[in-house]
Protein backbone atom coordinates (compact mmCIF):
# COMPACT_ATOMS: atom_id res chain seq x y z
CA UNK A 1 53.94 -17.78 44.71
CA UNK A 2 52.93 -14.55 46.30
CA UNK A 3 49.54 -13.35 45.33
CA UNK A 4 49.15 -10.03 43.32
CA UNK A 5 47.28 -8.34 46.09
CA UNK A 6 49.81 -9.24 48.66
CA UNK A 7 52.62 -8.22 46.36
CA UNK A 8 51.07 -4.86 45.87
CA UNK A 9 50.67 -4.29 49.62
CA UNK A 10 54.41 -5.21 50.02
CA UNK A 11 55.31 -2.60 47.38
CA UNK A 12 53.14 -0.10 49.19
CA UNK A 13 54.81 -0.68 52.49
CA UNK A 14 58.14 -0.19 50.92
CA UNK A 15 57.05 2.97 49.25
CA UNK A 16 55.66 4.41 52.46
CA UNK A 17 58.95 3.50 54.30
CA UNK A 18 60.99 5.21 51.44
CA UNK A 19 58.55 8.27 51.55
CA UNK A 20 59.35 8.76 55.24
CA UNK A 21 63.11 8.24 54.78
CA UNK A 22 63.32 4.86 56.64
CA UNK A 23 65.37 3.41 53.84
CA UNK A 24 68.23 5.42 55.27
CA UNK A 25 67.75 3.77 58.65
CA UNK A 26 67.54 0.29 57.21
CA UNK A 27 70.73 0.78 55.25
CA UNK A 28 72.51 1.66 58.40
CA UNK A 29 71.90 -1.68 59.93
CA UNK A 30 74.63 -4.30 60.15
CA UNK A 31 73.26 -6.41 57.30
CA UNK A 32 73.05 -3.55 54.72
CA UNK A 33 75.99 -1.52 55.91
CA UNK A 34 78.20 -2.75 52.96
CA UNK A 35 75.77 -1.12 50.48
CA UNK A 36 74.64 1.80 52.55
CA UNK A 37 76.01 4.33 50.02
CA UNK A 38 73.02 3.60 47.68
CA UNK A 39 71.04 5.79 50.00
CA UNK A 40 72.49 8.74 48.28
CA UNK A 41 70.53 7.61 45.17
CA UNK A 42 67.19 8.03 47.09
CA UNK A 43 65.32 11.30 46.42
CA UNK A 44 64.20 11.25 50.08
CA UNK A 45 67.81 11.48 51.23
CA UNK A 46 67.96 15.01 49.91
CA UNK A 47 64.52 16.16 50.98
CA UNK A 48 63.20 17.65 54.23
CA UNK A 49 61.41 14.35 54.98
CA UNK A 50 64.82 12.59 55.48
CA UNK A 51 66.00 15.35 57.88
CA UNK A 52 63.06 14.85 60.29
CA UNK A 53 64.09 13.06 63.49
CA UNK A 54 64.05 9.16 63.10
CA UNK A 55 61.48 8.83 65.86
CA UNK A 56 59.07 11.11 63.88
CA UNK A 57 59.66 9.22 60.64
CA UNK A 58 58.98 5.84 62.35
CA UNK A 59 55.71 7.16 63.89
CA UNK A 60 54.49 8.68 60.66
CA UNK A 61 55.26 5.55 58.78
CA UNK A 62 53.27 3.38 61.32
CA UNK A 63 50.32 5.81 60.95
CA UNK A 64 50.36 5.67 57.26
CA UNK A 65 50.53 1.86 57.09
CA UNK A 66 47.40 1.32 59.09
CA UNK A 67 45.85 0.03 62.33
CA UNK A 68 47.92 -3.17 62.65
CA UNK A 69 51.06 -1.28 62.43
CA UNK A 70 49.88 1.40 64.87
CA UNK A 71 49.03 -1.42 67.42
CA UNK A 72 52.59 -2.74 66.99
CA UNK A 73 53.84 0.86 67.82
CA UNK A 74 51.60 1.16 70.85
CA UNK A 75 52.99 -2.06 72.28
CA UNK A 76 56.53 -0.87 71.75
CA UNK A 77 55.71 2.53 73.45
CA UNK A 78 55.18 0.83 76.74
CA UNK A 79 58.64 -0.61 76.79
CA UNK A 80 60.84 2.55 77.03
CA UNK A 81 63.47 0.22 78.53
CA UNK A 82 63.92 -1.50 75.15
CA UNK A 83 63.94 1.60 72.86
CA UNK A 84 66.07 4.64 72.36
CA UNK A 85 64.39 7.58 74.20
CA UNK A 86 63.68 9.72 71.06
CA UNK A 87 61.72 6.72 69.30
CA UNK A 88 59.91 5.81 72.50
CA UNK A 89 58.67 9.43 73.00
CA UNK A 90 57.36 9.51 69.45
CA UNK A 91 55.57 6.16 69.72
CA UNK A 92 53.73 7.24 72.78
CA UNK A 93 51.79 9.53 70.47
CA UNK A 94 50.23 6.51 68.74
CA UNK A 95 48.26 5.77 71.90
CA UNK A 96 45.60 8.46 71.38
CA UNK A 97 47.02 10.96 68.84
CA UNK A 98 46.69 9.18 65.56
CA UNK A 99 45.45 11.61 62.86
CA UNK A 100 41.57 11.61 63.11
CA UNK A 101 39.03 11.36 60.30
CA UNK A 102 36.73 14.19 59.46
CA UNK A 103 33.74 15.19 61.76
CA UNK A 104 31.39 14.90 58.72
CA UNK A 105 32.37 11.32 58.33
CA UNK A 106 31.87 10.58 62.11
CA UNK A 107 28.53 12.29 62.11
CA UNK A 108 27.42 10.26 59.01
CA UNK A 109 28.43 6.93 60.63
CA UNK A 110 26.73 7.85 63.97
CA UNK A 111 23.43 8.78 62.37
CA UNK A 112 23.45 5.76 59.92
CA UNK A 113 24.12 3.34 62.91
CA UNK A 114 21.54 5.00 65.31
CA UNK A 115 18.91 5.60 62.67
CA UNK A 116 18.33 9.14 63.89
CA UNK A 117 20.10 12.50 63.73
CA UNK A 118 22.78 13.76 66.05
CA UNK A 119 20.42 16.41 67.40
CA UNK A 120 17.79 13.85 68.27
CA UNK A 121 20.25 11.41 70.01
CA UNK A 122 22.20 14.01 71.90
CA UNK A 123 21.58 17.45 73.64
CA UNK A 124 25.18 18.39 72.71
CA UNK A 125 27.79 16.84 70.52
CA UNK A 126 31.37 18.14 70.02
CA UNK A 127 32.57 17.52 66.37
CA UNK A 128 36.13 17.96 67.42
CA UNK A 129 37.65 14.56 68.43
CA UNK A 130 38.77 14.18 72.02
CA UNK A 131 41.21 11.48 71.10
CA UNK A 132 41.90 9.36 68.01
CA UNK A 133 43.47 5.94 67.89
CA UNK A 134 44.17 3.15 65.38
CA UNK A 135 40.73 1.66 65.27
CA UNK A 136 38.31 4.43 66.35
CA UNK A 137 38.05 7.99 67.61
CA UNK A 138 36.11 9.38 70.44
CA UNK A 139 34.00 12.58 70.77
CA UNK A 140 32.38 14.12 73.87
CA UNK A 141 28.68 14.54 74.06
CA UNK A 142 25.81 15.24 76.47
CA UNK A 143 22.70 13.03 76.63
CA UNK A 144 19.17 14.48 76.52
CA UNK A 145 19.09 13.47 80.39
CA UNK A 146 22.17 15.90 80.89
CA UNK A 147 24.58 13.00 81.49
CA UNK A 148 28.14 13.61 80.01
CA UNK A 149 29.26 10.69 77.73
CA UNK A 150 31.92 9.60 75.30
CA UNK A 151 30.94 8.56 71.81
CA UNK A 152 33.37 6.18 70.16
CA UNK A 153 33.17 5.80 66.35
CA UNK A 154 34.77 3.10 64.32
CA UNK A 155 37.08 4.41 61.47
CA UNK A 156 35.62 4.17 57.93
CA UNK A 157 36.86 1.29 55.69
CA UNK A 158 39.01 -0.17 58.53
CA UNK A 159 37.90 -3.67 57.89
CA UNK A 160 39.16 -3.86 54.41
CA UNK A 161 42.64 -2.51 55.50
CA UNK A 162 42.80 -4.98 58.45
CA UNK A 163 41.89 -7.92 56.16
CA UNK A 164 44.59 -6.75 53.69
CA UNK A 165 47.27 -6.55 56.30
CA UNK A 166 46.23 -9.80 58.06
CA UNK A 167 46.42 -11.53 54.58
CA UNK A 168 49.90 -10.25 54.30
CA UNK A 169 50.85 -11.56 57.72
CA UNK A 170 49.52 -14.96 56.69
CA UNK A 171 51.61 -14.97 53.58
CA UNK A 172 54.77 -13.88 55.58
CA UNK A 173 53.99 -16.62 58.11
CA UNK A 174 53.59 -19.24 55.40
CA UNK A 175 56.89 -18.25 53.79
CA UNK A 176 58.65 -18.23 57.13
CA UNK A 177 57.41 -21.74 58.02
CA UNK A 178 58.49 -22.99 54.67
CA UNK A 179 62.05 -21.52 54.71
CA UNK A 180 62.86 -20.98 58.26
CA UNK A 181 62.82 -23.89 60.68
CA UNK A 182 62.40 -21.81 63.81
CA UNK A 183 59.07 -20.40 62.45
CA UNK A 184 57.55 -23.87 62.77
CA UNK A 185 58.55 -23.98 66.47
CA UNK A 186 57.32 -20.45 66.94
CA UNK A 187 54.01 -21.68 65.27
CA UNK A 188 53.81 -18.55 63.12
CA UNK A 189 50.57 -19.44 61.22
CA UNK A 190 48.76 -20.08 64.67
CA UNK A 191 49.95 -16.90 66.09
CA UNK A 192 48.60 -14.91 63.12
CA UNK A 193 45.24 -16.70 63.45
CA UNK A 194 45.06 -15.76 67.07
CA UNK A 195 45.93 -12.20 66.19
CA UNK A 196 43.30 -12.07 63.47
CA UNK A 197 40.55 -13.27 65.78
CA UNK A 198 41.63 -10.62 68.33
CA UNK A 199 41.85 -7.66 65.95
CA UNK A 200 38.59 -8.62 64.16
CA UNK A 201 36.68 -8.76 67.64
CA UNK A 202 37.98 -5.34 68.20
CA UNK A 203 35.88 -4.04 65.29
CA UNK A 204 32.70 -4.98 66.87
CA UNK A 205 31.82 -2.23 69.41
CA UNK A 206 28.86 -4.17 70.80
CA UNK A 207 31.30 -6.90 71.82
CA UNK A 208 33.55 -4.28 73.34
CA UNK A 209 30.62 -2.87 75.32
CA UNK A 210 29.74 -6.38 76.61
CA UNK A 211 33.48 -6.82 77.66
CA UNK A 212 33.34 -3.52 79.50
CA UNK A 213 30.14 -4.45 81.34
CA UNK A 214 31.57 -7.79 82.37
CA UNK A 215 34.77 -6.29 83.84
CA UNK A 216 32.81 -3.48 85.46
CA UNK A 217 30.69 -6.12 87.24
CA UNK A 218 33.89 -8.07 88.28
CA UNK A 219 35.15 -4.84 89.88
CA UNK A 220 31.98 -3.53 91.36
CA UNK A 221 32.75 -1.33 94.57
CA UNK A 222 36.49 -1.95 94.04
CA UNK A 223 38.87 0.59 95.52
CA UNK A 224 41.41 -0.34 92.83
CA UNK A 225 39.65 0.11 89.51
CA UNK A 226 36.65 1.74 88.00
CA UNK A 227 35.06 0.90 84.70
CA UNK A 228 32.59 3.46 83.05
CA UNK A 229 29.01 2.53 82.42
CA UNK A 230 27.83 1.49 79.06
CA UNK A 231 24.58 3.26 77.54
CA UNK A 232 23.19 0.40 75.66
CA UNK A 233 20.26 2.00 73.87
CA UNK A 234 22.81 4.16 71.92
CA UNK A 235 25.38 1.46 71.28
CA UNK A 236 25.79 -0.24 67.94
CA UNK A 237 28.35 -2.26 66.01
CA UNK A 238 30.23 0.96 64.90
CA UNK A 239 29.17 3.37 67.73
CA UNK A 240 29.63 2.90 71.48
CA UNK A 241 28.32 5.43 74.05
CA UNK A 242 29.64 5.26 77.63
CA UNK A 243 29.86 7.34 80.75
CA UNK A 244 32.53 10.03 80.54
CA UNK A 245 35.28 9.70 83.18
CA UNK A 246 37.81 12.30 84.42
CA UNK A 247 41.25 11.35 85.43
CA UNK A 248 45.00 11.95 84.78
CA UNK A 249 46.56 9.85 81.91
CA UNK A 250 48.78 7.28 83.54
CA UNK A 251 51.57 8.28 81.22
CA UNK A 252 51.58 11.89 82.48
CA UNK A 253 54.02 11.41 85.23
CA UNK A 254 54.37 15.20 85.82
CA UNK A 255 50.69 15.75 86.28
CA UNK A 256 50.51 12.64 88.62
CA UNK A 257 53.50 14.07 90.69
CA UNK A 258 51.68 17.54 91.02
CA UNK A 259 48.49 15.89 92.14
CA UNK A 260 50.39 13.77 94.83
CA UNK A 261 49.72 10.47 93.37
CA UNK A 262 50.77 7.48 95.39
CA UNK A 263 53.16 5.85 92.90
CA UNK A 264 53.99 2.89 94.97
CA UNK A 265 50.48 1.92 95.55
CA UNK A 266 49.53 2.56 91.93
CA UNK A 267 52.39 0.24 90.85
CA UNK A 268 51.48 -2.54 93.31
CA UNK A 269 47.70 -2.17 92.35
CA UNK A 270 48.56 -2.43 88.65
CA UNK A 271 50.21 -5.90 89.43
CA UNK A 272 47.27 -7.02 91.62
CA UNK A 273 44.62 -5.88 89.12
CA UNK A 274 46.36 -7.96 86.39
CA UNK A 275 46.58 -11.19 88.48
CA UNK A 276 43.08 -10.63 89.77
CA UNK A 277 41.63 -10.52 86.12
CA UNK A 278 43.78 -13.51 85.04
CA UNK A 279 43.31 -15.93 87.86
CA UNK A 280 40.16 -14.76 89.87
CA UNK A 281 38.03 -13.78 86.92
CA UNK A 282 39.76 -15.51 84.03
CA UNK A 283 38.88 -12.49 81.88
CA UNK A 284 41.45 -9.72 81.36
CA UNK A 285 41.89 -6.42 79.69
CA UNK A 286 44.54 -7.20 77.16
CA UNK A 287 45.13 -3.67 75.68
CA UNK A 288 46.50 -1.82 78.73
CA UNK A 289 48.71 0.73 77.12
CA UNK A 290 48.93 4.19 78.80
CA UNK A 291 46.45 5.63 76.41
CA UNK A 292 43.64 3.43 77.89
CA UNK A 293 44.45 3.80 81.55
CA UNK A 294 43.92 7.00 83.75
CA UNK A 295 44.25 7.69 87.41
CA UNK A 296 41.68 9.08 89.97
CA UNK A 297 44.11 10.73 92.30
CA UNK A 298 45.71 9.64 94.53
CA UNK A 299 45.76 5.80 93.75
CA UNK A 300 42.63 4.58 91.84
CA UNK A 301 42.74 3.33 88.20
CA UNK A 302 40.15 4.24 85.49
CA UNK A 303 40.24 2.00 82.39
CA UNK A 304 38.56 2.31 78.93
CA UNK A 305 38.73 0.49 75.62
CA UNK A 306 37.90 -3.14 76.03
CA UNK A 307 38.08 -4.23 72.52
CA UNK A 308 40.81 -6.71 73.17
CA UNK A 309 40.24 -9.11 76.13
CA UNK A 310 41.78 -12.46 77.00
CA UNK A 311 40.90 -15.66 78.82
CA UNK A 312 42.54 -18.99 79.53
CA UNK A 313 41.38 -22.49 79.76
CA UNK A 314 41.25 -23.90 83.31
CA UNK A 315 44.34 -26.16 82.64
CA UNK A 316 46.33 -23.20 81.23
CA UNK A 317 45.25 -21.05 84.09
CA UNK A 318 46.39 -23.68 86.79
CA UNK A 319 49.43 -24.58 84.85
CA UNK A 320 50.46 -20.80 84.56
CA UNK A 321 49.78 -20.22 88.22
CA UNK A 322 51.97 -23.26 89.24
CA UNK A 323 54.69 -22.01 86.95
CA UNK A 324 54.64 -18.46 88.39
CA UNK A 325 54.78 -19.76 91.96
CA UNK A 326 57.66 -22.14 91.17
CA UNK A 327 59.54 -19.29 89.60
CA UNK A 328 58.89 -17.13 92.77
CA UNK A 329 60.05 -19.87 94.95
CA UNK A 330 63.12 -20.48 92.76
CA UNK A 331 61.96 -24.07 92.12
CA UNK A 332 63.47 -24.35 88.60
CA UNK A 333 63.29 -28.01 88.60
CA UNK A 334 59.48 -27.97 88.90
CA UNK A 335 59.39 -25.39 86.19
CA UNK A 336 61.46 -27.69 83.98
CA UNK A 337 59.26 -30.76 84.69
CA UNK A 338 55.97 -28.90 84.05
CA UNK A 339 57.31 -27.68 80.76
CA UNK A 340 58.21 -31.32 79.74
CA UNK A 341 54.96 -32.71 81.06
CA UNK A 342 52.85 -30.13 79.29
CA UNK A 343 54.65 -30.80 75.88
CA UNK A 344 55.96 -27.25 75.66
CA UNK A 345 59.40 -28.82 75.20
CA UNK A 346 60.23 -32.20 73.75
CA UNK A 347 59.78 -35.29 76.02
CA UNK A 348 63.40 -36.23 75.33
CA UNK A 349 64.71 -33.12 77.10
CA UNK A 350 66.94 -33.82 80.03
CA UNK A 351 65.33 -32.18 83.14
CA UNK A 352 68.58 -31.33 84.77
CA UNK A 353 69.97 -29.53 81.62
CA UNK A 354 66.73 -27.54 81.15
CA UNK A 355 66.68 -26.76 84.80
CA UNK A 356 70.14 -25.35 84.75
CA UNK A 357 69.35 -23.28 81.75
CA UNK A 358 66.26 -21.74 83.43
CA UNK A 359 68.20 -20.99 86.59
CA UNK A 360 71.01 -19.16 84.69
CA UNK A 361 68.44 -16.91 83.03
CA UNK A 362 66.11 -16.13 86.00
CA UNK A 363 68.34 -16.26 89.10
CA UNK A 364 70.16 -12.95 88.32
CA UNK A 365 66.90 -10.88 88.22
CA UNK A 366 65.29 -12.06 91.51
CA UNK A 367 65.12 -9.92 94.60
CA UNK A 368 65.84 -6.85 92.43
CA UNK A 369 63.63 -3.73 91.78
CA UNK A 370 62.43 -3.09 88.17
CA UNK A 371 64.94 -0.33 87.72
CA UNK A 372 67.89 -2.83 88.17
CA UNK A 373 66.56 -5.43 85.75
CA UNK A 374 67.57 -5.46 82.05
CA UNK A 375 64.41 -6.83 80.43
CA UNK A 376 66.11 -6.49 77.05
CA UNK A 377 68.81 -8.88 78.13
CA UNK A 378 66.36 -11.22 79.89
CA UNK A 379 64.21 -11.50 76.76
CA UNK A 380 67.21 -12.07 74.57
CA UNK A 381 68.40 -14.93 76.92
CA UNK A 382 64.94 -16.44 77.22
CA UNK A 383 64.69 -16.51 73.42
CA UNK A 384 68.11 -18.20 73.17
CA UNK A 385 66.98 -20.84 75.83
CA UNK A 386 63.71 -21.47 73.95
CA UNK A 387 65.48 -22.11 70.75
CA UNK A 388 68.09 -24.25 72.29
CA UNK A 389 65.47 -26.48 73.74
CA UNK A 390 63.09 -26.42 70.86
CA UNK A 391 60.44 -24.79 73.11
CA UNK A 392 57.13 -24.54 71.29
CA UNK A 393 55.32 -21.14 71.48
CA UNK A 394 51.77 -21.31 72.83
CA UNK A 395 49.56 -18.97 70.73
CA UNK A 396 46.78 -18.80 73.44
CA UNK A 397 49.24 -17.06 75.82
CA UNK A 398 50.48 -14.46 73.41
CA UNK A 399 47.91 -11.93 74.61
CA UNK A 400 48.76 -12.64 78.22
CA UNK A 401 52.53 -12.18 77.52
CA UNK A 402 51.82 -8.87 75.83
CA UNK A 403 49.62 -7.71 78.71
CA UNK A 404 52.22 -8.53 81.18
CA UNK A 405 54.83 -6.65 79.34
CA UNK A 406 52.48 -3.70 79.32
CA UNK A 407 51.94 -3.96 83.10
CA UNK A 408 55.63 -4.20 83.83
CA UNK A 409 56.21 -1.15 81.54
CA UNK A 410 53.67 0.91 83.43
CA UNK A 411 55.19 -0.24 86.71
CA UNK A 412 58.61 0.79 85.58
CA UNK A 413 57.24 4.25 84.72
CA UNK A 414 55.31 4.69 87.90
CA UNK A 415 57.64 3.20 90.54
CA UNK A 416 60.90 1.73 89.33
CA UNK A 417 61.68 0.44 92.86
CA UNK A 418 58.74 -2.01 92.68
CA UNK A 419 59.54 -5.65 93.50
CA UNK A 420 57.38 -7.34 91.02
CA UNK A 421 57.93 -10.74 92.47
CA UNK A 422 57.17 -10.08 96.03
CA UNK A 423 54.12 -8.07 95.01
CA UNK A 424 52.68 -11.00 93.00
CA UNK A 425 53.70 -13.96 95.07
CA UNK A 426 51.19 -13.42 98.01
CA UNK A 427 48.34 -13.12 95.59
CA UNK A 428 49.25 -16.40 93.78
CA UNK A 429 49.65 -18.25 97.14
CA UNK A 430 46.27 -17.04 98.36
CA UNK A 431 44.70 -18.05 94.86
CA UNK A 432 46.05 -21.50 95.35
CA UNK A 433 44.83 -21.74 98.80
CA UNK A 434 41.26 -20.63 97.80
CA UNK A 435 41.10 -22.83 94.62
CA UNK A 436 43.03 -25.94 95.65
CA UNK A 437 43.12 -26.03 99.56
CA UNK A 438 41.01 -28.26 101.77
CA UNK A 439 38.34 -25.61 102.40
CA UNK A 440 38.12 -25.20 98.56
CA UNK A 441 37.44 -28.95 98.06
CA UNK A 442 34.77 -28.76 100.83
CA UNK A 443 33.09 -25.76 99.13
CA UNK A 444 33.22 -27.64 95.91
CA UNK A 445 31.53 -30.63 97.51
CA UNK A 446 28.88 -28.42 99.17
CA UNK A 447 28.19 -26.73 95.80
CA UNK A 448 27.38 -30.21 94.28
CA UNK A 449 25.35 -31.22 97.26
CA UNK A 450 21.91 -30.26 95.71
CA UNK A 451 22.72 -32.17 92.60
CA UNK A 452 23.67 -35.12 94.72
CA UNK A 453 20.43 -35.00 96.85
CA UNK A 454 18.36 -34.91 93.60
CA UNK A 455 19.84 -38.23 92.63
CA UNK A 456 19.34 -39.89 96.08
CA UNK A 457 15.75 -41.24 95.14
CA UNK A 458 17.23 -42.73 91.99
CA UNK A 459 20.14 -44.43 93.88
CA UNK A 460 18.30 -47.68 94.74
CA UNK A 461 17.43 -48.15 91.09
CA UNK A 462 20.92 -47.31 89.95
CA UNK A 463 22.40 -49.78 92.49
CA UNK A 464 20.04 -52.53 91.25
CA UNK A 465 21.06 -51.75 87.71
CA UNK A 466 24.68 -51.89 88.59
CA UNK A 467 24.26 -55.20 90.39
CA UNK A 468 22.45 -56.66 87.41
CA UNK A 469 25.02 -55.41 85.09
CA UNK A 470 27.81 -57.04 87.23
CA UNK A 471 25.96 -60.33 87.43
CA UNK A 472 25.53 -60.30 83.65
CA UNK A 473 29.07 -59.62 83.21
CA UNK A 474 30.11 -62.43 85.55
CA UNK A 475 27.93 -64.81 83.50
CA UNK A 476 29.51 -63.70 80.38
CA UNK A 477 32.92 -64.12 81.90
CA UNK A 478 32.10 -67.70 83.15
CA UNK A 479 30.67 -68.60 79.63
CA UNK A 480 33.88 -67.06 78.14
CA UNK A 481 36.00 -69.18 80.43
CA UNK A 482 34.08 -72.40 79.59
CA UNK A 483 34.53 -71.69 75.83
CA UNK A 484 38.33 -70.96 76.32
CA UNK A 485 38.73 -74.16 78.27
CA UNK A 486 36.88 -76.27 75.52
CA UNK A 487 39.09 -74.46 72.89
CA UNK A 488 42.20 -75.56 74.77
CA UNK A 489 41.04 -79.26 75.00
CA UNK A 490 40.30 -79.10 71.30
CA UNK A 491 43.61 -77.65 70.43
CA UNK A 492 45.38 -80.33 72.61
CA UNK A 493 43.40 -83.08 70.73
CA UNK A 494 44.29 -81.58 67.43
CA UNK A 495 47.89 -81.25 68.39
CA UNK A 496 47.94 -84.96 69.45
CA UNK A 497 46.42 -86.02 66.11
CA UNK A 498 48.83 -83.86 64.25
CA UNK A 499 51.80 -85.24 66.16
CA UNK A 500 50.72 -88.88 65.59
CA UNK A 501 50.32 -88.15 61.85
CA UNK A 502 53.68 -86.61 61.62
CA UNK A 503 55.28 -89.69 63.48
CA UNK A 504 53.31 -92.15 61.34
CA UNK A 505 54.49 -90.47 58.22
CA UNK A 506 58.07 -90.38 59.39
CA UNK A 507 57.88 -94.09 60.21
CA UNK A 508 56.60 -94.96 56.65
CA UNK A 509 59.29 -92.79 54.99
CA UNK A 510 61.92 -94.47 57.14
CA UNK A 511 60.74 -97.89 56.27
CA UNK A 512 60.67 -97.09 52.56
CA UNK A 513 64.20 -95.91 52.74
CA UNK A 514 65.32 -98.94 54.44
CA UNK A 515 63.65 -101.34 52.04
CA UNK A 516 65.30 -99.48 49.14
CA UNK A 517 68.70 -99.77 50.73
CA UNK A 518 71.41 -101.74 48.72
CA UNK A 519 72.41 -103.53 51.79
CA UNK A 520 69.08 -105.18 52.10
CA UNK A 521 68.99 -106.11 48.49
CA UNK A 522 72.40 -107.70 48.46
């Protein structure tokens, strides 16, 4: 039974879709084509709203539905290869051009969070937002020290909206797992739980500031990536103040071209930054859509907005690296074996059959630049393979998969001739050499040497305890053996007595039968 609050939200979603004329688009799909004529009964069909381009209607619908839907549109906007051009171009506007909230509201939130007036906190403050996204908007300001900064302000009442939509997602996931067998394999409830944790973390700007500081430290003095500095005295849960950076938005290809950007190096560095964050640092920026990435010409990245980050367990990290390398080396048998060993596919799966399926999907895309790869077809075939072999979705990897798609989408925009595989393979080989090679083992041993030396004075006592324990154990074993031997002797004696009793009873019964025989009486 759907709860009333969830039902009201579903009704609202349908009303928003109808208001923007999306009922017409839905009715044109294959499923609803037989009843498409009922669209003429909709008032929106005859209004100017319905005559707006479909991309505009979809964008406005996502904006009106709230932050979760805007996030979905942002993710789609990075995959222009999977969308019609008119829809993709409109969804790009969701990255930093979501309708802003009022300057008065922003001012009230800032002053409430900082406990002082805008005039006290800043020498200058621009009430006109520089950019506005799904969760927050940003204003430019100048500190009393003269430093230029960005002030990020959380949207008002956003937590209630997100909780409402997450509740709807849980309800839909619950219904899906109840009535759709594939939803259980896809682990819909766990994926929603992972998404809920991620989106709620994004509502704490102190956490985001901490994430930014950590990645800034990881890439200190890097030639590939720069992260702006956080101003902690003016940072609160709903307000974040950081250094203002100046760069060209990575999605503005024309401006990059005019600035003589090195597109090939940018594409290669994007891949390297991703793999460095995932495997070297185990802490990656998981919201790398074009609205959060800028370029310092000609070839250096500037990144902002660290509300969503990801990390992996050491086992997932190593397993993923081994999978990537196996893919890059065309070793599909190893990929199949690792999936079975990890439990991602059932243990009863035939390795040869799974290997052949993976080869048929992946082999056609190797040694091809991004522009020659149909990722729409690749994803479709991967989903078909996963369904065929009952492959279980890993919720902890969903953020990583989303980020990888964003990186690939950026690479396609910047340098379609990029060979993704050859760019990533040397990095992974070097990572394995550093983490698992002989020198890595020696370093690990040396790192533990101080701990070992601290235990050396205690070793004689530990050895003595071990010998005492072994001697005591040996005595117990000997006693146990004696008891077992005695038990065997007792069993043999009991068995002999039992056998004699049985034989004696048998003889008596036989004698009685003979004495009662008619032959003896006669």
